[in-house]
Amino acid sequence: MQLPLRRRLSVLLLGTMLALPCPAAAGSGAGPVETRLAEELLASLGPTVPPDAQVALTLGRPFDGPVDAVRDIGLDPRTGIFTARILSNGHPVELSGRADVEVTMPVPVRRIRPGEVIEPSDLTTMRLSLDRAGAGFIASADALVGQSPRRQLSAGRLVQVGSVGAPIVVQRNRPVTLVYEDGALMLAARGRALQEGGVGDTVRVMNIASSTVVTGTVTGSETVSVSGPRLPQAGRP
């Protein structure tokens, strides 16, 4: 199994924290079987697991032989039970035991309301097991800073994917400028937003002059860019 280059793994073994540089390939080097299995287990979990993940790994039965290669390894996240198939002195060996994977997740330090912009000082981190973290939560503080909640975020609680977005710059039922651009042609019209949104969001807007509802992309404060023939026709005197 090929491991990612330059990735560093933190492996918790029998109460001792080891910071291990990940080898270029699983078959190179040697070391305690627990360390080797922890490396392979983290690599098998893929890029969704942060590089600072920690593994507390315990074998079901002692094994002190050499590890030529790890042929297969898997983890049941519900039970924490792992199984592995290795080669030792050219012979296949089946191993199993318990592996607790922990990751660091960002959480707010205070209640953050919709409309506020998340700052680095609004966040801290907490460690929890991989099965509690889940794929439905944001795992990086960088993905939160500069964003705005779509619903209230509670202190100390994981942030669900989709619960934050670009800061709202178009407010529902507030006036906006509709902009139509086609090459050198640019037309503008007054509109009323039917949805709120941040830069890059798609929103529906009513053209006040024609009462036509169009869909466009928020490009800035109170500005929505639209395409299609209806806006320039409505904007004509």
C-alpha atoms as a PDB file:
ATOM      1  CA  MET A   1       0.000   0.000   0.000  1.00  0.00           C
ATOM      2  CA  GLN A   2       1.483   3.376  -1.059  1.00  0.00           C
ATOM      3  CA  LEU A   3       1.464   6.015   1.679  1.00  0.00           C
ATOM      4  CA  PRO A   4       1.339   9.785   1.007  1.00  0.00           C
ATOM      5  CA  LEU A   5       4.751  11.454   0.986  1.00  0.00           C
ATOM      6  CA  ARG A   6       5.715  14.059   3.583  1.00  0.00           C
ATOM      7  CA  ARG A   7       2.694  13.258   5.725  1.00  0.00           C
ATOM      8  CA  ARG A   8       3.324  13.103   9.467  1.00  0.00           C
ATOM      9  CA  LEU A   9       1.394  10.729  11.652  1.00  0.00           C
ATOM     10  CA  SER A  10       0.887  10.953  15.400  1.00  0.00           C
ATOM     11  CA  VAL A  11       0.546   7.460  16.810  1.00  0.00           C
ATOM     12  CA  LEU A  12      -0.505   6.803  20.394  1.00  0.00           C
ATOM     13  CA  LEU A  13       0.920   3.498  21.555  1.00  0.00           C
ATOM     14  CA  LEU A  14       0.580   2.178  25.096  1.00  0.00           C
ATOM     15  CA  GLY A  15       0.271   5.702  26.479  1.00  0.00           C
ATOM     16  CA  THR A  16       3.324   7.060  24.600  1.00  0.00           C
ATOM     17  CA  MET A  17       2.969   9.676  21.854  1.00  0.00           C
ATOM     18  CA  LEU A  18       5.262   9.129  18.862  1.00  0.00           C
ATOM     19  CA  ALA A  19       5.561  11.610  15.961  1.00  0.00           C
ATOM     20  CA  LEU A  20       6.499   9.431  12.993  1.00  0.00           C
ATOM     21  CA  PRO A  21       7.453  10.561   9.485  1.00  0.00           C
ATOM     22  CA  CYS A  22       5.459   8.454   7.066  1.00  0.00           C
ATOM     23  CA  PRO A  23       7.719   6.208   4.903  1.00  0.00           C
ATOM     24  CA  ALA A  24       7.535   6.303   1.118  1.00  0.00           C
ATOM     25  CA  ALA A  25       6.158   2.769   1.043  1.00  0.00           C
ATOM     26  CA  ALA A  26       4.752   0.340   3.582  1.00  0.00           C
ATOM     27  CA  GLY A  27       7.391  -2.246   2.783  1.00  0.00           C
ATOM     28  CA  SER A  28      10.356  -0.046   3.750  1.00  0.00           C
ATOM     29  CA  GLY A  29      11.812   0.162   7.237  1.00  0.00           C
ATOM     30  CA  ALA A  30      10.912  -1.809  10.301  1.00  0.00           C
ATOM     31  CA  GLY A  31       9.482  -1.176  13.747  1.00  0.00           C
ATOM     32  CA  PRO A  32       6.916  -2.333  16.278  1.00  0.00           C
ATOM     33  CA  VAL A  33       3.980  -4.007  14.616  1.00  0.00           C
ATOM     34  CA  GLU A  34       1.571  -1.614  16.365  1.00  0.00           C
ATOM     35  CA  THR A  35       3.331   1.394  14.854  1.00  0.00           C
ATOM     36  CA  ARG A  36       3.328  -0.143  11.395  1.00  0.00           C
ATOM     37  CA  LEU A  37      -0.348  -1.064  11.591  1.00  0.00           C
ATOM     38  CA  ALA A  38      -1.257   2.401  12.881  1.00  0.00           C
ATOM     39  CA  GLU A  39       0.482   3.999   9.884  1.00  0.00           C
ATOM     40  CA  GLU A  40      -1.290   1.702   7.457  1.00  0.00           C
ATOM     41  CA  LEU A  41      -4.628   2.197   9.155  1.00  0.00           C
ATOM     42  CA  LEU A  42      -4.436   5.990   8.907  1.00  0.00           C
ATOM     43  CA  ALA A  43      -3.379   5.748   5.259  1.00  0.00           C
ATOM     44  CA  SER A  44      -6.320   3.447   4.509  1.00  0.00           C
ATOM     45  CA  LEU A  45      -8.789   5.971   5.909  1.00  0.00           C
ATOM     46  CA  GLY A  46      -7.921   8.392   3.114  1.00  0.00           C
ATOM     47  CA  PRO A  47      -7.627  12.205   2.862  1.00  0.00           C
ATOM     48  CA  THR A  48     -10.810  12.815   4.878  1.00  0.00           C
ATOM     49  CA  VAL A  49      -8.800  12.093   8.043  1.00  0.00           C
ATOM     50  CA  PRO A  50      -6.596  15.053   9.080  1.00  0.00           C
ATOM     51  CA  PRO A  51      -2.816  14.430   9.170  1.00  0.00           C
ATOM     52  CA  ASP A  52      -2.761  15.102  12.930  1.00  0.00           C
ATOM     53  CA  ALA A  53      -5.047  12.140  13.637  1.00  0.00           C
ATOM     54  CA  GLN A  54      -3.968   9.925  16.528  1.00  0.00           C
ATOM     55  CA  VAL A  55      -4.403   6.170  16.861  1.00  0.00           C
ATOM     56  CA  ALA A  56      -4.485   4.181  20.096  1.00  0.00           C
ATOM     57  CA  LEU A  57      -3.953   0.614  18.898  1.00  0.00           C
ATOM     58  CA  THR A  58      -3.990  -2.612  20.924  1.00  0.00           C
ATOM     59  CA  LEU A  59      -3.476  -6.092  19.475  1.00  0.00           C
ATOM     60  CA  GLY A  60      -5.861  -8.844  20.481  1.00  0.00           C
ATOM     61  CA  ARG A  61      -2.878 -11.149  21.015  1.00  0.00           C
ATOM     62  CA  PRO A  62       0.841 -10.334  21.256  1.00  0.00           C
ATOM     63  CA  PHE A  63       2.943 -10.461  18.097  1.00  0.00           C
ATOM     64  CA  ASP A  64       6.666  -9.653  18.061  1.00  0.00           C
ATOM     65  CA  GLY A  65       7.689 -10.990  14.653  1.00  0.00           C
ATOM     66  CA  PRO A  66       8.950  -8.844  11.765  1.00  0.00           C
ATOM     67  CA  VAL A  67       6.525  -7.185   9.359  1.00  0.00           C
ATOM     68  CA  ASP A  68       7.565  -7.659   5.723  1.00  0.00           C
ATOM     69  CA  ALA A  69       4.394  -6.063   4.334  1.00  0.00           C
ATOM     70  CA  VAL A  70       0.834  -5.215   5.253  1.00  0.00           C
ATOM     71  CA  ARG A  71      -1.402  -6.810   2.649  1.00  0.00           C
ATOM     72  CA  ASP A  72      -4.765  -5.662   3.959  1.00  0.00           C
ATOM     73  CA  ILE A  73      -6.183  -3.697   6.871  1.00  0.00           C
ATOM     74  CA  GLY A  74      -9.679  -2.537   7.767  1.00  0.00           C
ATOM     75  CA  LEU A  75     -11.522  -0.849  10.616  1.00  0.00           C
ATOM     76  CA  ASP A  76     -15.114  -1.100  11.795  1.00  0.00           C
ATOM     77  CA  PRO A  77     -15.758   2.471  13.045  1.00  0.00           C
ATOM     78  CA  ARG A  78     -18.775   1.373  15.083  1.00  0.00           C
ATOM     79  CA  THR A  79     -16.888  -1.152  17.218  1.00  0.00           C
ATOM     80  CA  GLY A  80     -13.317   0.081  16.832  1.00  0.00           C
ATOM     81  CA  ILE A  81     -12.216  -3.432  15.845  1.00  0.00           C
ATOM     82  CA  PHE A  82      -9.519  -3.667  13.176  1.00  0.00           C
ATOM     83  CA  THR A  83      -8.357  -6.677  11.198  1.00  0.00           C
ATOM     84  CA  ALA A  84      -5.113  -6.944   9.250  1.00  0.00           C
ATOM     85  CA  ARG A  85      -3.304  -9.436   7.068  1.00  0.00           C
ATOM     86  CA  ILE A  86       0.483  -9.149   7.059  1.00  0.00           C
ATOM     87  CA  LEU A  87       3.504 -11.031   5.784  1.00  0.00           C
ATOM     88  CA  SER A  88       6.092 -12.017   8.392  1.00  0.00           C
ATOM     89  CA  ASN A  89       9.197 -13.891   7.238  1.00  0.00           C
ATOM     90  CA  GLY A  90       7.296 -14.613   4.039  1.00  0.00           C
ATOM     91  CA  HIS A  91       4.328 -16.197   5.829  1.00  0.00           C
ATOM     92  CA  PRO A  92       0.800 -14.710   6.026  1.00  0.00           C
ATOM     93  CA  VAL A  93      -0.387 -13.761   9.514  1.00  0.00           C
ATOM     94  CA  GLU A  94      -3.872 -12.596  10.532  1.00  0.00           C
ATOM     95  CA  LEU A  95      -3.992  -9.951  13.259  1.00  0.00           C
ATOM     96  CA  SER A  96      -6.845  -8.136  14.955  1.00  0.00           C
ATOM     97  CA  GLY A  97      -7.457  -5.852  17.880  1.00  0.00           C
ATOM     98  CA  ARG A  98      -8.884  -2.481  18.845  1.00  0.00           C
ATOM     99  CA  ALA A  99      -8.000   0.870  17.296  1.00  0.00           C
ATOM    100  CA  ASP A 100      -9.325   4.181  18.593  1.00  0.00           C
ATOM    101  CA  VAL A 101      -8.811   6.971  16.051  1.00  0.00           C
ATOM    102  CA  GLU A 102      -9.060  10.524  17.335  1.00  0.00           C
ATOM    103  CA  VAL A 103      -9.156  13.725  15.288  1.00  0.00           C
ATOM    104  CA  THR A 104      -9.020  17.422  16.120  1.00  0.00           C
ATOM    105  CA  MET A 105     -12.187  19.324  15.152  1.00  0.00           C
ATOM    106  CA  PRO A 106     -12.952  23.071  15.274  1.00  0.00           C
ATOM    107  CA  VAL A 107     -15.804  24.273  17.497  1.00  0.00           C
ATOM    108  CA  PRO A 108     -17.043  27.783  18.370  1.00  0.00           C
ATOM    109  CA  VAL A 109     -16.048  29.271  21.719  1.00  0.00           C
ATOM    110  CA  ARG A 110     -19.263  31.306  21.812  1.00  0.00           C
ATOM    111  CA  ARG A 111     -22.704  31.425  20.278  1.00  0.00           C
ATOM    112  CA  ILE A 112     -22.428  32.752  16.711  1.00  0.00           C
ATOM    113  CA  ARG A 113     -25.573  34.133  15.106  1.00  0.00           C
ATOM    114  CA  PRO A 114     -26.511  34.370  11.406  1.00  0.00           C
ATOM    115  CA  GLY A 115     -25.100  37.514   9.854  1.00  0.00           C
ATOM    116  CA  GLU A 116     -21.913  37.458  11.935  1.00  0.00           C
ATOM    117  CA  VAL A 117     -18.582  36.741  10.255  1.00  0.00           C
ATOM    118  CA  ILE A 118     -16.536  34.000  11.935  1.00  0.00           C
ATOM    119  CA  GLU A 119     -13.104  35.143  13.152  1.00  0.00           C
ATOM    120  CA  PRO A 120     -10.161  32.935  14.235  1.00  0.00           C
ATOM    121  CA  SER A 121     -10.743  34.050  17.837  1.00  0.00           C
ATOM    122  CA  ASP A 122     -14.279  32.610  17.661  1.00  0.00           C
ATOM    123  CA  LEU A 123     -12.921  29.057  17.354  1.00  0.00           C
ATOM    124  CA  THR A 124     -11.103  26.488  19.435  1.00  0.00           C
ATOM    125  CA  THR A 125     -10.486  22.771  18.899  1.00  0.00           C
ATOM    126  CA  MET A 126     -11.519  19.575  20.600  1.00  0.00           C
ATOM    127  CA  ARG A 127     -10.355  15.994  20.203  1.00  0.00           C
ATOM    128  CA  LEU A 128     -12.894  13.259  19.717  1.00  0.00           C
ATOM    129  CA  SER A 129     -13.167   9.827  18.183  1.00  0.00           C
ATOM    130  CA  LEU A 130     -13.447   9.515  14.434  1.00  0.00           C
ATOM    131  CA  ASP A 131     -16.873   7.886  14.606  1.00  0.00           C
ATOM    132  CA  ARG A 132     -18.219  10.851  16.617  1.00  0.00           C
ATOM    133  CA  ALA A 133     -16.702  13.375  14.210  1.00  0.00           C
ATOM    134  CA  GLY A 134     -18.267  11.877  11.099  1.00  0.00           C
ATOM    135  CA  ALA A 135     -18.196  13.176   7.543  1.00  0.00           C
ATOM    136  CA  GLY A 136     -21.114  15.536   8.131  1.00  0.00           C
ATOM    137  CA  PHE A 137     -19.075  18.040  10.158  1.00  0.00           C
ATOM    138  CA  ILE A 138     -16.511  20.647   9.110  1.00  0.00           C
ATOM    139  CA  ALA A 139     -13.038  19.423  10.079  1.00  0.00           C
ATOM    140  CA  SER A 140     -10.920  22.509   9.327  1.00  0.00           C
ATOM    141  CA  ALA A 141     -10.934  25.912  11.006  1.00  0.00           C
ATOM    142  CA  ASP A 142      -9.806  27.401   7.671  1.00  0.00           C
ATOM    143  CA  ALA A 143     -13.156  26.325   6.197  1.00  0.00           C
ATOM    144  CA  LEU A 144     -14.982  28.369   8.864  1.00  0.00           C
ATOM    145  CA  VAL A 145     -12.980  31.595   9.172  1.00  0.00           C
ATOM    146  CA  GLY A 146     -14.522  34.350   7.046  1.00  0.00           C
ATOM    147  CA  GLN A 147     -17.809  32.487   6.660  1.00  0.00           C
ATOM    148  CA  SER A 148     -21.188  33.383   8.139  1.00  0.00           C
ATOM    149  CA  PRO A 149     -23.643  30.990   9.849  1.00  0.00           C
ATOM    150  CA  ARG A 150     -26.856  30.164   8.038  1.00  0.00           C
ATOM    151  CA  ARG A 151     -28.261  29.216  11.449  1.00  0.00           C
ATOM    152  CA  GLN A 152     -27.046  29.800  14.978  1.00  0.00           C
ATOM    153  CA  LEU A 153     -23.885  27.943  16.002  1.00  0.00           C
ATOM    154  CA  SER A 154     -23.581  26.822  19.619  1.00  0.00           C
ATOM    155  CA  ALA A 155     -20.420  27.031  21.705  1.00  0.00           C
ATOM    156  CA  GLY A 156     -18.545  23.744  21.942  1.00  0.00           C
ATOM    157  CA  ARG A 157     -20.648  22.016  19.267  1.00  0.00           C
ATOM    158  CA  LEU A 158     -19.379  20.635  15.967  1.00  0.00           C
ATOM    159  CA  VAL A 159     -20.347  22.648  12.895  1.00  0.00           C
ATOM    160  CA  GLN A 160     -22.381  20.766  10.315  1.00  0.00           C
ATOM    161  CA  VAL A 161     -21.448  20.903   6.642  1.00  0.00           C
ATOM    162  CA  GLY A 162     -23.755  23.351   4.875  1.00  0.00           C
ATOM    163  CA  SER A 163     -24.513  25.385   7.996  1.00  0.00           C
ATOM    164  CA  VAL A 164     -22.143  28.217   7.004  1.00  0.00           C
ATOM    165  CA  GLY A 165     -21.570  30.115   3.804  1.00  0.00           C
ATOM    166  CA  ALA A 166     -20.308  33.370   2.389  1.00  0.00           C
ATOM    167  CA  PRO A 167     -21.459  36.418   4.397  1.00  0.00           C
ATOM    168  CA  ILE A 168     -24.941  37.550   3.398  1.00  0.00           C
ATOM    169  CA  VAL A 169     -24.720  40.618   1.150  1.00  0.00           C
ATOM    170  CA  VAL A 170     -28.184  40.364  -0.419  1.00  0.00           C
ATOM    171  CA  GLN A 171     -31.120  40.484   1.990  1.00  0.00           C
ATOM    172  CA  ARG A 172     -34.532  38.990   1.283  1.00  0.00           C
ATOM    173  CA  ASN A 173     -37.188  41.582   0.298  1.00  0.00           C
ATOM    174  CA  ARG A 174     -34.497  44.282   0.028  1.00  0.00           C
ATOM    175  CA  PRO A 175     -33.686  46.252  -3.155  1.00  0.00           C
ATOM    176  CA  VAL A 176     -30.829  45.054  -5.340  1.00  0.00           C
ATOM    177  CA  THR A 177     -29.232  46.046  -8.625  1.00  0.00           C
ATOM    178  CA  LEU A 178     -29.711  43.566 -11.438  1.00  0.00           C
ATOM    179  CA  VAL A 179     -26.760  43.593 -13.834  1.00  0.00           C
ATOM    180  CA  TYR A 180     -26.765  42.030 -17.298  1.00  0.00           C
ATOM    181  CA  GLU A 181     -23.462  41.775 -19.174  1.00  0.00           C
ATOM    182  CA  ASP A 182     -22.890  40.412 -22.677  1.00  0.00           C
ATOM    183  CA  GLY A 183     -19.464  41.378 -23.999  1.00  0.00           C
ATOM    184  CA  ALA A 184     -19.312  45.184 -24.128  1.00  0.00           C
ATOM    185  CA  LEU A 185     -23.048  45.445 -23.376  1.00  0.00           C
ATOM    186  CA  MET A 186     -24.030  46.089 -19.762  1.00  0.00           C
ATOM    187  CA  LEU A 187     -27.544  46.887 -18.597  1.00  0.00           C
ATOM    188  CA  ALA A 188     -28.787  47.519 -15.081  1.00  0.00           C
ATOM    189  CA  ALA A 189     -32.244  47.438 -13.535  1.00  0.00           C
ATOM    190  CA  ARG A 190     -33.781  47.721 -10.112  1.00  0.00           C
ATOM    191  CA  GLY A 191     -34.924  44.546  -8.443  1.00  0.00           C
ATOM    192  CA  ARG A 192     -36.192  43.099  -5.177  1.00  0.00           C
ATOM    193  CA  ALA A 193     -34.458  40.033  -3.766  1.00  0.00           C
ATOM    194  CA  LEU A 194     -36.763  37.089  -3.067  1.00  0.00           C
ATOM    195  CA  GLN A 195     -33.964  35.184  -1.293  1.00  0.00           C
ATOM    196  CA  GLU A 196     -30.926  36.108   0.766  1.00  0.00           C
ATOM    197  CA  GLY A 197     -27.452  35.084  -0.292  1.00  0.00           C
ATOM    198  CA  GLY A 198     -23.712  35.604  -0.148  1.00  0.00           C
ATOM    199  CA  VAL A 199     -21.254  36.135  -2.968  1.00  0.00           C
ATOM    200  CA  GLY A 200     -21.492  33.183  -5.346  1.00  0.00           C
ATOM    201  CA  ASP A 201     -24.962  32.100  -4.224  1.00  0.00           C
ATOM    202  CA  THR A 202     -27.812  31.752  -6.703  1.00  0.00           C
ATOM    203  CA  VAL A 203     -30.909  33.783  -5.771  1.00  0.00           C
ATOM    204  CA  ARG A 204     -34.270  34.711  -7.284  1.00  0.00           C
ATOM    205  CA  VAL A 205     -34.980  38.398  -7.883  1.00  0.00           C
ATOM    206  CA  MET A 206     -38.038  40.263  -9.108  1.00  0.00           C
ATOM    207  CA  ASN A 207     -37.405  42.904 -11.763  1.00  0.00           C
ATOM    208  CA  ILE A 208     -39.378  45.852 -10.361  1.00  0.00           C
ATOM    209  CA  ALA A 209     -40.031  47.422 -13.773  1.00  0.00           C
ATOM    210  CA  SER A 210     -41.560  44.298 -15.335  1.00  0.00           C
ATOM    211  CA  SER A 211     -42.476  42.169 -12.271  1.00  0.00           C
ATOM    212  CA  THR A 212     -40.514  39.374 -13.954  1.00  0.00           C
ATOM    213  CA  VAL A 213     -38.759  36.925 -11.663  1.00  0.00           C
ATOM    214  CA  VAL A 214     -35.212  36.067 -12.756  1.00  0.00           C
ATOM    215  CA  THR A 215     -32.465  33.938 -11.281  1.00  0.00           C
ATOM    216  CA  GLY A 216     -28.953  35.306 -10.900  1.00  0.00           C
ATOM    217  CA  THR A 217     -25.682  35.057  -9.041  1.00  0.00           C
ATOM    218  CA  VAL A 218     -24.752  37.344  -6.150  1.00  0.00           C
ATOM    219  CA  THR A 219     -21.610  39.222  -7.175  1.00  0.00           C
ATOM    220  CA  GLY A 220     -21.363  41.845  -4.432  1.00  0.00           C
ATOM    221  CA  SER A 221     -23.240  43.958  -1.925  1.00  0.00           C
ATOM    222  CA  GLU A 222     -26.858  44.285  -3.155  1.00  0.00           C
ATOM    223  CA  THR A 223     -25.778  43.244  -6.664  1.00  0.00           C
ATOM    224  CA  VAL A 224     -27.004  40.263  -8.678  1.00  0.00           C
ATOM    225  CA  SER A 225     -25.702  39.290 -12.118  1.00  0.00           C
ATOM    226  CA  VAL A 226     -28.205  37.695 -14.489  1.00  0.00           C
ATOM    227  CA  SER A 227     -28.137  36.324 -18.011  1.00  0.00           C
ATOM    228  CA  GLY A 228     -30.761  35.795 -20.702  1.00  0.00           C
ATOM    229  CA  PRO A 229     -32.829  38.041 -22.946  1.00  0.00           C
ATOM    230  CA  ARG A 230     -35.501  39.107 -20.494  1.00  0.00           C
ATOM    231  CA  LEU A 231     -33.534  41.696 -18.508  1.00  0.00           C
ATOM    232  CA  PRO A 232     -32.383  43.848 -21.440  1.00  0.00           C
ATOM    233  CA  GLN A 233     -35.907  43.831 -22.876  1.00  0.00           C
ATOM    234  CA  ALA A 234     -37.364  44.935 -19.524  1.00  0.00           C
ATOM    235  CA  GLY A 235     -34.675  47.597 -19.122  1.00  0.00           C
ATOM    236  CA  ARG A 236     -35.520  49.375 -22.361  1.00  0.00           C
ATOM    237  CA  PRO A 237     -37.418  52.672 -22.014  1.00  0.00           C
END
